[in-house]
Amino acid sequence: MKAHDHELRLSETNSADDSDGRTWGLDGNLFWFVAGGLVAFVATLLFLFSVFQVNFFTSLVIASLPLIAALIYVFIFRQGKPPAYDLDLIDYWINGRGFSPALSNKSCHPLTDHVAH
């Protein structure tokens, strides 16, 4: 046998280009939403407690709302979902069904007996 018959053959692939990566365990750029929620949380807490001198517990509750909203958005509507899932869901809530066959409650199987009501 020739020496070159057992050589390992390498070929270029672009599989790394298909992934947007992960940061903090979140897909793609979703960590920016969480980071933005954290910045809004800290800024709101500082303004409410220091500048407006609101009770700390009340400031904490109010300041946590942007962070909670960001976490809900990321983990319910984006993480692990297909691209544009959130936009499609909002469109569905506003406009209802898109172009699709009309579904009825009656059985439409061709082998079932149809009885006129």
PDB file of N, CA and C in Angstrom:
ATOM      1  N   MET A   1       0.827  -1.174   0.000  1.00  0.00           N
ATOM      2  CA  MET A   1       0.000   0.000   0.000  1.00  0.00           C
ATOM      3  C   MET A   1       0.872   1.237   0.000  1.00  0.00           C
ATOM      4  N   LYS A   2       0.353   2.244  -0.603  1.00  0.00           N
ATOM      5  CA  LYS A   2       1.073   3.505  -0.651  1.00  0.00           C
ATOM      6  C   LYS A   2       0.800   4.297   0.623  1.00  0.00           C
ATOM      7  N   ALA A   3       1.737   5.147   0.981  1.00  0.00           N
ATOM      8  CA  ALA A   3       1.616   5.934   2.215  1.00  0.00           C
ATOM      9  C   ALA A   3       0.468   6.927   2.136  1.00  0.00           C
ATOM     10  N   HIS A   4       0.187   7.449   0.968  1.00  0.00           N
ATOM     11  CA  HIS A   4      -0.848   8.473   0.860  1.00  0.00           C
ATOM     12  C   HIS A   4      -2.263   7.879   0.890  1.00  0.00           C
ATOM     13  N   ASP A   5      -2.424   6.562   0.849  1.00  0.00           N
ATOM     14  CA  ASP A   5      -3.745   5.943   0.924  1.00  0.00           C
ATOM     15  C   ASP A   5      -4.367   6.083   2.307  1.00  0.00           C
ATOM     16  N   HIS A   6      -3.549   6.262   3.322  1.00  0.00           N
ATOM     17  CA  HIS A   6      -4.059   6.328   4.687  1.00  0.00           C
ATOM     18  C   HIS A   6      -4.052   7.752   5.255  1.00  0.00           C
ATOM     19  N   GLU A   7      -3.858   8.730   4.423  1.00  0.00           N
ATOM     20  CA  GLU A   7      -3.831  10.105   4.900  1.00  0.00           C
ATOM     21  C   GLU A   7      -5.232  10.562   5.294  1.00  0.00           C
ATOM     22  N   LEU A   8      -5.264  11.372   6.300  1.00  0.00           N
ATOM     23  CA  LEU A   8      -6.529  11.953   6.747  1.00  0.00           C
ATOM     24  C   LEU A   8      -6.896  13.086   5.799  1.00  0.00           C
ATOM     25  N   ARG A   9      -8.087  13.038   5.297  1.00  0.00           N
ATOM     26  CA  ARG A   9      -8.517  14.028   4.329  1.00  0.00           C
ATOM     27  C   ARG A   9      -9.310  15.122   5.049  1.00  0.00           C
ATOM     28  N   LEU A  10      -8.913  16.345   4.886  1.00  0.00           N
ATOM     29  CA  LEU A  10      -9.582  17.481   5.516  1.00  0.00           C
ATOM     30  C   LEU A  10     -10.268  18.321   4.448  1.00  0.00           C
ATOM     31  N   SER A  11     -11.443  18.808   4.781  1.00  0.00           N
ATOM     32  CA  SER A  11     -12.143  19.698   3.858  1.00  0.00           C
ATOM     33  C   SER A  11     -12.724  20.868   4.642  1.00  0.00           C
ATOM     34  N   GLU A  12     -12.779  22.006   3.990  1.00  0.00           N
ATOM     35  CA  GLU A  12     -13.281  23.214   4.634  1.00  0.00           C
ATOM     36  C   GLU A  12     -14.800  23.150   4.756  1.00  0.00           C
ATOM     37  N   THR A  13     -15.311  23.569   5.897  1.00  0.00           N
ATOM     38  CA  THR A  13     -16.754  23.686   6.091  1.00  0.00           C
ATOM     39  C   THR A  13     -17.048  25.069   6.650  1.00  0.00           C
ATOM     40  N   ASN A  14     -18.272  25.468   6.547  1.00  0.00           N
ATOM     41  CA  ASN A  14     -18.691  26.757   7.075  1.00  0.00           C
ATOM     42  C   ASN A  14     -19.701  26.579   8.202  1.00  0.00           C
ATOM     43  N   SER A  15     -19.631  25.498   8.919  1.00  0.00           N
ATOM     44  CA  SER A  15     -20.624  25.212   9.954  1.00  0.00           C
ATOM     45  C   SER A  15     -20.595  26.234  11.080  1.00  0.00           C
ATOM     46  N   ALA A  16     -19.464  26.839  11.346  1.00  0.00           N
ATOM     47  CA  ALA A  16     -19.399  27.843  12.407  1.00  0.00           C
ATOM     48  C   ALA A  16     -20.140  29.108  12.013  1.00  0.00           C
ATOM     49  N   ASP A  17     -20.305  29.354  10.731  1.00  0.00           N
ATOM     50  CA  ASP A  17     -21.004  30.555  10.280  1.00  0.00           C
ATOM     51  C   ASP A  17     -22.509  30.470  10.513  1.00  0.00           C
ATOM     52  N   ASP A  18     -23.042  29.283  10.732  1.00  0.00           N
ATOM     53  CA  ASP A  18     -24.483  29.102  10.899  1.00  0.00           C
ATOM     54  C   ASP A  18     -24.962  29.499  12.282  1.00  0.00           C
ATOM     55  N   SER A  19     -24.101  29.577  13.255  1.00  0.00           N
ATOM     56  CA  SER A  19     -24.490  29.852  14.628  1.00  0.00           C
ATOM     57  C   SER A  19     -24.226  31.305  14.988  1.00  0.00           C
ATOM     58  N   ASP A  20     -25.174  31.907  15.714  1.00  0.00           N
ATOM     59  CA  ASP A  20     -24.980  33.259  16.225  1.00  0.00           C
ATOM     60  C   ASP A  20     -24.220  33.237  17.536  1.00  0.00           C
ATOM     61  N   GLY A  21     -23.932  32.052  18.061  1.00  0.00           N
ATOM     62  CA  GLY A  21     -23.190  31.929  19.305  1.00  0.00           C
ATOM     63  C   GLY A  21     -24.083  32.018  20.529  1.00  0.00           C
ATOM     64  N   ARG A  22     -23.447  31.944  21.685  1.00  0.00           N
ATOM     65  CA  ARG A  22     -24.169  32.012  22.954  1.00  0.00           C
ATOM     66  C   ARG A  22     -23.374  32.877  23.910  1.00  0.00           C
ATOM     67  N   THR A  23     -24.068  33.697  24.671  1.00  0.00           N
ATOM     68  CA  THR A  23     -23.473  34.509  25.721  1.00  0.00           C
ATOM     69  C   THR A  23     -24.360  34.382  26.947  1.00  0.00           C
ATOM     70  N   TRP A  24     -23.770  34.107  28.089  1.00  0.00           N
ATOM     71  CA  TRP A  24     -24.503  33.903  29.346  1.00  0.00           C
ATOM     72  C   TRP A  24     -25.555  32.807  29.189  1.00  0.00           C
ATOM     73  N   GLY A  25     -25.336  31.859  28.292  1.00  0.00           N
ATOM     74  CA  GLY A  25     -26.289  30.782  28.058  1.00  0.00           C
ATOM     75  C   GLY A  25     -27.464  31.179  27.204  1.00  0.00           C
ATOM     76  N   LEU A  26     -27.436  32.385  26.644  1.00  0.00           N
ATOM     77  CA  LEU A  26     -28.538  32.870  25.816  1.00  0.00           C
ATOM     78  C   LEU A  26     -28.130  32.840  24.351  1.00  0.00           C
ATOM     79  N   ASP A  27     -29.075  32.506  23.488  1.00  0.00           N
ATOM     80  CA  ASP A  27     -28.813  32.429  22.057  1.00  0.00           C
ATOM     81  C   ASP A  27     -28.551  33.808  21.461  1.00  0.00           C
ATOM     82  N   GLY A  28     -27.638  33.856  20.507  1.00  0.00           N
ATOM     83  CA  GLY A  28     -27.403  35.065  19.728  1.00  0.00           C
ATOM     84  C   GLY A  28     -27.101  36.292  20.570  1.00  0.00           C
ATOM     85  N   ASN A  29     -27.824  37.347  20.300  1.00  0.00           N
ATOM     86  CA  ASN A  29     -27.630  38.618  20.994  1.00  0.00           C
ATOM     87  C   ASN A  29     -28.674  38.864  22.078  1.00  0.00           C
ATOM     88  N   LEU A  30     -29.302  37.835  22.583  1.00  0.00           N
ATOM     89  CA  LEU A  30     -30.351  38.019  23.598  1.00  0.00           C
ATOM     90  C   LEU A  30     -29.809  38.568  24.910  1.00  0.00           C
ATOM     91  N   PHE A  31     -28.509  38.391  25.152  1.00  0.00           N
ATOM     92  CA  PHE A  31     -27.964  38.918  26.397  1.00  0.00           C
ATOM     93  C   PHE A  31     -28.069  40.434  26.455  1.00  0.00           C
ATOM     94  N   TRP A  32     -28.142  41.110  25.292  1.00  0.00           N
ATOM     95  CA  TRP A  32     -28.280  42.569  25.294  1.00  0.00           C
ATOM     96  C   TRP A  32     -29.593  43.008  25.928  1.00  0.00           C
ATOM     97  N   PHE A  33     -30.654  42.229  25.747  1.00  0.00           N
ATOM     98  CA  PHE A  33     -31.929  42.558  26.384  1.00  0.00           C
ATOM     99  C   PHE A  33     -31.817  42.449  27.899  1.00  0.00           C
ATOM    100  N   VAL A  34     -31.155  41.390  28.365  1.00  0.00           N
ATOM    101  CA  VAL A  34     -30.964  41.204  29.808  1.00  0.00           C
ATOM    102  C   VAL A  34     -30.037  42.292  30.357  1.00  0.00           C
ATOM    103  N   ALA A  35     -28.969  42.610  29.643  1.00  0.00           N
ATOM    104  CA  ALA A  35     -28.058  43.669  30.083  1.00  0.00           C
ATOM    105  C   ALA A  35     -28.779  45.017  30.124  1.00  0.00           C
ATOM    106  N   GLY A  36     -29.607  45.280  29.136  1.00  0.00           N
ATOM    107  CA  GLY A  36     -30.405  46.516  29.136  1.00  0.00           C
ATOM    108  C   GLY A  36     -31.370  46.565  30.304  1.00  0.00           C
ATOM    109  N   GLY A  37     -31.985  45.420  30.624  1.00  0.00           N
ATOM    110  CA  GLY A  37     -32.871  45.349  31.783  1.00  0.00           C
ATOM    111  C   GLY A  37     -32.124  45.606  33.080  1.00  0.00           C
ATOM    112  N   LEU A  38     -30.902  45.090  33.169  1.00  0.00           N
ATOM    113  CA  LEU A  38     -30.080  45.336  34.363  1.00  0.00           C
ATOM    114  C   LEU A  38     -29.698  46.804  34.492  1.00  0.00           C
ATOM    115  N   VAL A  39     -29.326  47.433  33.389  1.00  0.00           N
ATOM    116  CA  VAL A  39     -28.981  48.860  33.413  1.00  0.00           C
ATOM    117  C   VAL A  39     -30.196  49.693  33.795  1.00  0.00           C
ATOM    118  N   ALA A  40     -31.352  49.380  33.222  1.00  0.00           N
ATOM    119  CA  ALA A  40     -32.576  50.105  33.563  1.00  0.00           C
ATOM    120  C   ALA A  40     -32.934  49.891  35.034  1.00  0.00           C
ATOM    121  N   PHE A  41     -32.719  48.675  35.539  1.00  0.00           N
ATOM    122  CA  PHE A  41     -32.987  48.374  36.943  1.00  0.00           C
ATOM    123  C   PHE A  41     -32.125  49.241  37.857  1.00  0.00           C
ATOM    124  N   VAL A  42     -30.818  49.262  37.609  1.00  0.00           N
ATOM    125  CA  VAL A  42     -29.897  50.021  38.461  1.00  0.00           C
ATOM    126  C   VAL A  42     -30.185  51.519  38.368  1.00  0.00           C
ATOM    127  N   ALA A  43     -30.391  52.031  37.150  1.00  0.00           N
ATOM    128  CA  ALA A  43     -30.646  53.464  36.980  1.00  0.00           C
ATOM    129  C   ALA A  43     -31.945  53.874  37.660  1.00  0.00           C
ATOM    130  N   THR A  44     -32.987  53.084  37.495  1.00  0.00           N
ATOM    131  CA  THR A  44     -34.273  53.404  38.119  1.00  0.00           C
ATOM    132  C   THR A  44     -34.170  53.331  39.636  1.00  0.00           C
ATOM    133  N   LEU A  45     -33.486  52.317  40.138  1.00  0.00           N
ATOM    134  CA  LEU A  45     -33.310  52.191  41.588  1.00  0.00           C
ATOM    135  C   LEU A  45     -32.554  53.394  42.147  1.00  0.00           C
ATOM    136  N   LEU A  46     -31.482  53.808  41.492  1.00  0.00           N
ATOM    137  CA  LEU A  46     -30.710  54.956  41.955  1.00  0.00           C
ATOM    138  C   LEU A  46     -31.533  56.244  41.923  1.00  0.00           C
ATOM    139  N   PHE A  47     -32.248  56.469  40.841  1.00  0.00           N
ATOM    140  CA  PHE A  47     -33.049  57.689  40.747  1.00  0.00           C
ATOM    141  C   PHE A  47     -34.168  57.715  41.782  1.00  0.00           C
ATOM    142  N   LEU A  48     -34.883  56.615  41.911  1.00  0.00           N
ATOM    143  CA  LEU A  48     -36.001  56.598  42.859  1.00  0.00           C
ATOM    144  C   LEU A  48     -35.530  56.727  44.298  1.00  0.00           C
ATOM    145  N   PHE A  49     -34.490  55.980  44.657  1.00  0.00           N
ATOM    146  CA  PHE A  49     -34.057  55.961  46.055  1.00  0.00           C
ATOM    147  C   PHE A  49     -33.216  57.178  46.413  1.00  0.00           C
ATOM    148  N   SER A  50     -32.300  57.575  45.544  1.00  0.00           N
ATOM    149  CA  SER A  50     -31.383  58.661  45.877  1.00  0.00           C
ATOM    150  C   SER A  50     -31.942  60.039  45.531  1.00  0.00           C
ATOM    151  N   VAL A  51     -32.431  60.197  44.311  1.00  0.00           N
ATOM    152  CA  VAL A  51     -32.873  61.517  43.863  1.00  0.00           C
ATOM    153  C   VAL A  51     -34.256  61.851  44.404  1.00  0.00           C
ATOM    154  N   PHE A  52     -35.212  60.937  44.239  1.00  0.00           N
ATOM    155  CA  PHE A  52     -36.586  61.210  44.661  1.00  0.00           C
ATOM    156  C   PHE A  52     -36.876  60.745  46.085  1.00  0.00           C
ATOM    157  N   GLN A  53     -35.929  60.075  46.715  1.00  0.00           N
ATOM    158  CA  GLN A  53     -35.996  59.612  48.102  1.00  0.00           C
ATOM    159  C   GLN A  53     -37.268  58.811  48.417  1.00  0.00           C
ATOM    160  N   VAL A  54     -37.549  57.891  47.500  1.00  0.00           N
ATOM    161  CA  VAL A  54     -38.651  56.951  47.689  1.00  0.00           C
ATOM    162  C   VAL A  54     -38.134  55.824  48.581  1.00  0.00           C
ATOM    163  N   ASN A  55     -39.011  55.235  49.364  1.00  0.00           N
ATOM    164  CA  ASN A  55     -38.679  54.102  50.229  1.00  0.00           C
ATOM    165  C   ASN A  55     -37.895  53.062  49.419  1.00  0.00           C
ATOM    166  N   PHE A  56     -36.876  52.435  50.031  1.00  0.00           N
ATOM    167  CA  PHE A  56     -36.018  51.496  49.307  1.00  0.00           C
ATOM    168  C   PHE A  56     -36.802  50.312  48.771  1.00  0.00           C
ATOM    169  N   PHE A  57     -37.692  49.735  49.570  1.00  0.00           N
ATOM    170  CA  PHE A  57     -38.460  48.577  49.111  1.00  0.00           C
ATOM    171  C   PHE A  57     -39.351  48.951  47.933  1.00  0.00           C
ATOM    172  N   THR A  58     -39.992  50.110  48.003  1.00  0.00           N
ATOM    173  CA  THR A  58     -40.833  50.570  46.896  1.00  0.00           C
ATOM    174  C   THR A  58     -39.977  50.830  45.659  1.00  0.00           C
ATOM    175  N   SER A  59     -38.811  51.435  45.854  1.00  0.00           N
ATOM    176  CA  SER A  59     -37.892  51.676  44.735  1.00  0.00           C
ATOM    177  C   SER A  59     -37.446  50.366  44.108  1.00  0.00           C
ATOM    178  N   LEU A  60     -37.171  49.382  44.948  1.00  0.00           N
ATOM    179  CA  LEU A  60     -36.729  48.075  44.465  1.00  0.00           C
ATOM    180  C   LEU A  60     -37.816  47.401  43.633  1.00  0.00           C
ATOM    181  N   VAL A  61     -39.044  47.473  44.097  1.00  0.00           N
ATOM    182  CA  VAL A  61     -40.157  46.845  43.370  1.00  0.00           C
ATOM    183  C   VAL A  61     -40.371  47.535  42.025  1.00  0.00           C
ATOM    184  N   ILE A  62     -40.389  48.854  42.029  1.00  0.00           N
ATOM    185  CA  ILE A  62     -40.611  49.595  40.779  1.00  0.00           C
ATOM    186  C   ILE A  62     -39.435  49.397  39.816  1.00  0.00           C
ATOM    187  N   ALA A  63     -38.217  49.431  40.331  1.00  0.00           N
ATOM    188  CA  ALA A  63     -37.028  49.288  39.489  1.00  0.00           C
ATOM    189  C   ALA A  63     -36.901  47.889  38.900  1.00  0.00           C
ATOM    190  N   SER A  64     -37.484  46.893  39.547  1.00  0.00           N
ATOM    191  CA  SER A  64     -37.379  45.532  39.038  1.00  0.00           C
ATOM    192  C   SER A  64     -38.279  45.284  37.832  1.00  0.00           C
ATOM    193  N   LEU A  65     -39.232  46.158  37.573  1.00  0.00           N
ATOM    194  CA  LEU A  65     -40.165  45.944  36.466  1.00  0.00           C
ATOM    195  C   LEU A  65     -39.474  45.873  35.096  1.00  0.00           C
ATOM    196  N   PRO A  66     -38.542  46.779  34.749  1.00  0.00           N
ATOM    197  CA  PRO A  66     -37.876  46.626  33.446  1.00  0.00           C
ATOM    198  C   PRO A  66     -37.052  45.335  33.338  1.00  0.00           C
ATOM    199  N   LEU A  67     -36.422  44.934  34.417  1.00  0.00           N
ATOM    200  CA  LEU A  67     -35.641  43.691  34.403  1.00  0.00           C
ATOM    201  C   LEU A  67     -36.553  42.484  34.235  1.00  0.00           C
ATOM    202  N   ILE A  68     -37.654  42.478  34.944  1.00  0.00           N
ATOM    203  CA  ILE A  68     -38.615  41.372  34.816  1.00  0.00           C
ATOM    204  C   ILE A  68     -39.188  41.324  33.401  1.00  0.00           C
ATOM    205  N   ALA A  69     -39.514  42.505  32.841  1.00  0.00           N
ATOM    206  CA  ALA A  69     -40.041  42.550  31.471  1.00  0.00           C
ATOM    207  C   ALA A  69     -39.018  42.010  30.477  1.00  0.00           C
ATOM    208  N   ALA A  70     -37.752  42.377  30.642  1.00  0.00           N
ATOM    209  CA  ALA A  70     -36.703  41.880  29.742  1.00  0.00           C
ATOM    210  C   ALA A  70     -36.544  40.368  29.870  1.00  0.00           C
ATOM    211  N   LEU A  71     -36.563  39.857  31.094  1.00  0.00           N
ATOM    212  CA  LEU A  71     -36.425  38.410  31.299  1.00  0.00           C
ATOM    213  C   LEU A  71     -37.607  37.642  30.725  1.00  0.00           C
ATOM    214  N   ILE A  72     -38.808  38.170  30.901  1.00  0.00           N
ATOM    215  CA  ILE A  72     -39.991  37.519  30.327  1.00  0.00           C
ATOM    216  C   ILE A  72     -39.890  37.495  28.811  1.00  0.00           C
ATOM    217  N   TYR A  73     -39.518  38.626  28.226  1.00  0.00           N
ATOM    218  CA  TYR A  73     -39.388  38.700  26.771  1.00  0.00           C
ATOM    219  C   TYR A  73     -38.360  37.694  26.253  1.00  0.00           C
ATOM    220  N   VAL A  74     -37.224  37.634  26.908  1.00  0.00           N
ATOM    221  CA  VAL A  74     -36.159  36.744  26.438  1.00  0.00           C
ATOM    222  C   VAL A  74     -36.542  35.282  26.615  1.00  0.00           C
ATOM    223  N   PHE A  75     -36.996  34.897  27.799  1.00  0.00           N
ATOM    224  CA  PHE A  75     -37.197  33.473  28.075  1.00  0.00           C
ATOM    225  C   PHE A  75     -38.528  32.926  27.589  1.00  0.00           C
ATOM    226  N   ILE A  76     -39.530  33.776  27.374  1.00  0.00           N
ATOM    227  CA  ILE A  76     -40.819  33.268  26.901  1.00  0.00           C
ATOM    228  C   ILE A  76     -40.950  33.413  25.388  1.00  0.00           C
ATOM    229  N   PHE A  77     -40.450  34.538  24.853  1.00  0.00           N
ATOM    230  CA  PHE A  77     -40.700  34.819  23.450  1.00  0.00           C
ATOM    231  C   PHE A  77     -39.501  34.643  22.529  1.00  0.00           C
ATOM    232  N   ARG A  78     -38.279  34.485  23.030  1.00  0.00           N
ATOM    233  CA  ARG A  78     -37.136  34.419  22.140  1.00  0.00           C
ATOM    234  C   ARG A  78     -36.235  33.210  22.339  1.00  0.00           C
ATOM    235  N   GLN A  79     -35.854  32.884  23.561  1.00  0.00           N
ATOM    236  CA  GLN A  79     -34.882  31.818  23.828  1.00  0.00           C
ATOM    237  C   GLN A  79     -35.411  30.478  23.345  1.00  0.00           C
ATOM    238  N   GLY A  80     -34.684  29.847  22.433  1.00  0.00           N
ATOM    239  CA  GLY A  80     -35.047  28.528  21.934  1.00  0.00           C
ATOM    240  C   GLY A  80     -36.186  28.529  20.936  1.00  0.00           C
ATOM    241  N   LYS A  81     -36.612  29.691  20.496  1.00  0.00           N
ATOM    242  CA  LYS A  81     -37.708  29.791  19.533  1.00  0.00           C
ATOM    243  C   LYS A  81     -37.136  30.081  18.146  1.00  0.00           C
ATOM    244  N   PRO A  82     -37.924  29.827  17.103  1.00  0.00           N
ATOM    245  CA  PRO A  82     -37.452  30.135  15.747  1.00  0.00           C
ATOM    246  C   PRO A  82     -37.284  31.648  15.556  1.00  0.00           C
ATOM    247  N   PRO A  83     -36.519  32.054  14.546  1.00  0.00           N
ATOM    248  CA  PRO A  83     -36.376  33.493  14.283  1.00  0.00           C
ATOM    249  C   PRO A  83     -37.733  34.140  14.011  1.00  0.00           C
ATOM    250  N   ALA A  84     -37.929  35.336  14.511  1.00  0.00           N
ATOM    251  CA  ALA A  84     -39.148  36.133  14.322  1.00  0.00           C
ATOM    252  C   ALA A  84     -40.371  35.499  14.974  1.00  0.00           C
ATOM    253  N   TYR A  85     -40.192  34.589  15.915  1.00  0.00           N
ATOM    254  CA  TYR A  85     -41.325  33.985  16.615  1.00  0.00           C
ATOM    255  C   TYR A  85     -42.134  35.046  17.339  1.00  0.00           C
ATOM    256  N   ASP A  86     -41.447  35.987  18.000  1.00  0.00           N
ATOM    257  CA  ASP A  86     -42.133  37.032  18.745  1.00  0.00           C
ATOM    258  C   ASP A  86     -42.957  37.927  17.823  1.00  0.00           C
ATOM    259  N   LEU A  87     -42.417  38.279  16.672  1.00  0.00           N
ATOM    260  CA  LEU A  87     -43.144  39.121  15.729  1.00  0.00           C
ATOM    261  C   LEU A  87     -44.336  38.384  15.129  1.00  0.00           C
ATOM    262  N   ASP A  88     -44.153  37.109  14.831  1.00  0.00           N
ATOM    263  CA  ASP A  88     -45.260  36.313  14.300  1.00  0.00           C
ATOM    264  C   ASP A  88     -46.364  36.169  15.335  1.00  0.00           C
ATOM    265  N   LEU A  89     -45.998  36.003  16.589  1.00  0.00           N
ATOM    266  CA  LEU A  89     -46.987  35.862  17.650  1.00  0.00           C
ATOM    267  C   LEU A  89     -47.783  37.151  17.840  1.00  0.00           C
ATOM    268  N   ILE A  90     -47.103  38.287  17.813  1.00  0.00           N
ATOM    269  CA  ILE A  90     -47.797  39.575  17.921  1.00  0.00           C
ATOM    270  C   ILE A  90     -48.720  39.785  16.725  1.00  0.00           C
ATOM    271  N   ASP A  91     -48.256  39.439  15.536  1.00  0.00           N
ATOM    272  CA  ASP A  91     -49.088  39.543  14.343  1.00  0.00           C
ATOM    273  C   ASP A  91     -50.315  38.645  14.459  1.00  0.00           C
ATOM    274  N   TYR A  92     -50.136  37.455  15.000  1.00  0.00           N
ATOM    275  CA  TYR A  92     -51.263  36.542  15.189  1.00  0.00           C
ATOM    276  C   TYR A  92     -52.261  37.113  16.193  1.00  0.00           C
ATOM    277  N   TRP A  93     -51.761  37.715  17.279  1.00  0.00           N
ATOM    278  CA  TRP A  93     -52.664  38.295  18.280  1.00  0.00           C
ATOM    279  C   TRP A  93     -53.453  39.471  17.705  1.00  0.00           C
ATOM    280  N   ILE A  94     -52.826  40.247  16.840  1.00  0.00           N
ATOM    281  CA  ILE A  94     -53.492  41.428  16.279  1.00  0.00           C
ATOM    282  C   ILE A  94     -54.418  41.060  15.124  1.00  0.00           C
ATOM    283  N   ASN A  95     -53.927  40.265  14.182  1.00  0.00           N
ATOM    284  CA  ASN A  95     -54.661  39.994  12.947  1.00  0.00           C
ATOM    285  C   ASN A  95     -55.363  38.646  12.913  1.00  0.00           C
ATOM    286  N   GLY A  96     -55.115  37.803  13.874  1.00  0.00           N
ATOM    287  CA  GLY A  96     -55.700  36.471  13.846  1.00  0.00           C
ATOM    288  C   GLY A  96     -54.964  35.580  12.865  1.00  0.00           C
ATOM    289  N   ARG A  97     -55.642  34.577  12.382  1.00  0.00           N
ATOM    290  CA  ARG A  97     -55.026  33.637  11.453  1.00  0.00           C
ATOM    291  C   ARG A  97     -54.647  34.316  10.158  1.00  0.00           C
ATOM    292  N   GLY A  98     -53.589  33.841   9.588  1.00  0.00           N
ATOM    293  CA  GLY A  98     -53.176  34.320   8.282  1.00  0.00           C
ATOM    294  C   GLY A  98     -53.843  33.492   7.207  1.00  0.00           C
ATOM    295  N   PHE A  99     -53.210  33.387   6.078  1.00  0.00           N
ATOM    296  CA  PHE A  99     -53.731  32.580   4.988  1.00  0.00           C
ATOM    297  C   PHE A  99     -53.563  31.110   5.333  1.00  0.00           C
ATOM    298  N   SER A 100     -54.675  30.443   5.572  1.00  0.00           N
ATOM    299  CA  SER A 100     -54.636  29.014   5.871  1.00  0.00           C
ATOM    300  C   SER A 100     -55.995  28.427   5.562  1.00  0.00           C
ATOM    301  N   PRO A 101     -56.065  27.136   5.397  1.00  0.00           N
ATOM    302  CA  PRO A 101     -57.358  26.501   5.151  1.00  0.00           C
ATOM    303  C   PRO A 101     -58.274  26.692   6.355  1.00  0.00           C
ATOM    304  N   ALA A 102     -59.555  26.862   6.070  1.00  0.00           N
ATOM    305  CA  ALA A 102     -60.531  27.019   7.146  1.00  0.00           C
ATOM    306  C   ALA A 102     -60.704  25.677   7.842  1.00  0.00           C
ATOM    307  N   LEU A 103     -60.607  25.688   9.155  1.00  0.00           N
ATOM    308  CA  LEU A 103     -60.788  24.468   9.926  1.00  0.00           C
ATOM    309  C   LEU A 103     -62.183  24.470  10.526  1.00  0.00           C
ATOM    310  N   SER A 104     -62.842  23.350  10.436  1.00  0.00           N
ATOM    311  CA  SER A 104     -64.179  23.253  11.024  1.00  0.00           C
ATOM    312  C   SER A 104     -64.156  22.191  12.108  1.00  0.00           C
ATOM    313  N   ASN A 105     -65.186  22.183  12.917  1.00  0.00           N
ATOM    314  CA  ASN A 105     -65.287  21.204  13.989  1.00  0.00           C
ATOM    315  C   ASN A 105     -65.761  19.855  13.478  1.00  0.00           C
ATOM    316  N   LYS A 106     -66.288  19.804  12.251  1.00  0.00           N
ATOM    317  CA  LYS A 106     -66.794  18.559  11.680  1.00  0.00           C
ATOM    318  C   LYS A 106     -65.638  17.717  11.178  1.00  0.00           C
ATOM    319  N   SER A 107     -65.859  16.426  11.151  1.00  0.00           N
ATOM    320  CA  SER A 107     -64.852  15.520  10.623  1.00  0.00           C
ATOM    321  C   SER A 107     -64.835  15.645   9.104  1.00  0.00           C
ATOM    322  N   CYS A 108     -63.694  15.841   8.534  1.00  0.00           N
ATOM    323  CA  CYS A 108     -63.571  16.008   7.089  1.00  0.00           C
ATOM    324  C   CYS A 108     -62.864  14.825   6.443  1.00  0.00           C
ATOM    325  N   HIS A 109     -62.723  13.746   7.154  1.00  0.00           N
ATOM    326  CA  HIS A 109     -62.026  12.594   6.598  1.00  0.00           C
ATOM    327  C   HIS A 109     -62.893  11.980   5.504  1.00  0.00           C
ATOM    328  N   PRO A 110     -62.331  11.686   4.348  1.00  0.00           N
ATOM    329  CA  PRO A 110     -63.136  11.181   3.220  1.00  0.00           C
ATOM    330  C   PRO A 110     -63.747   9.801   3.463  1.00  0.00           C
ATOM    331  N   LEU A 111     -63.227   9.036   4.401  1.00  0.00           N
ATOM    332  CA  LEU A 111     -63.761   7.700   4.627  1.00  0.00           C
ATOM    333  C   LEU A 111     -64.829   7.661   5.729  1.00  0.00           C
ATOM    334  N   THR A 112     -65.129   8.775   6.324  1.00  0.00           N
ATOM    335  CA  THR A 112     -66.167   8.790   7.365  1.00  0.00           C
ATOM    336  C   THR A 112     -67.522   8.980   6.727  1.00  0.00           C
ATOM    337  N   ASP A 113     -68.537   8.510   7.417  1.00  0.00           N
ATOM    338  CA  ASP A 113     -69.908   8.666   6.934  1.00  0.00           C
ATOM    339  C   ASP A 113     -70.362  10.081   7.206  1.00  0.00           C
ATOM    340  N   HIS A 114     -70.859  10.749   6.202  1.00  0.00           N
ATOM    341  CA  HIS A 114     -71.380  12.113   6.361  1.00  0.00           C
ATOM    342  C   HIS A 114     -72.878  12.035   6.476  1.00  0.00           C
ATOM    343  N   VAL A 115     -73.388  12.531   7.551  1.00  0.00           N
ATOM    344  CA  VAL A 115     -74.826  12.545   7.784  1.00  0.00           C
ATOM    345  C   VAL A 115     -75.256  14.000   7.743  1.00  0.00           C
ATOM    346  N   ALA A 116     -76.275  14.279   6.932  1.00  0.00           N
ATOM    347  CA  ALA A 116     -76.764  15.651   6.847  1.00  0.00           C
ATOM    348  C   ALA A 116     -77.557  15.979   8.100  1.00  0.00           C
ATOM    349  N   HIS A 117     -77.265  17.142   8.659  1.00  0.00           N
ATOM    350  CA  HIS A 117     -77.982  17.552   9.877  1.00  0.00           C
ATOM    351  C   HIS A 117     -79.051  18.517   9.550  1.00  0.00           C
TER     352      HIS A 117
END
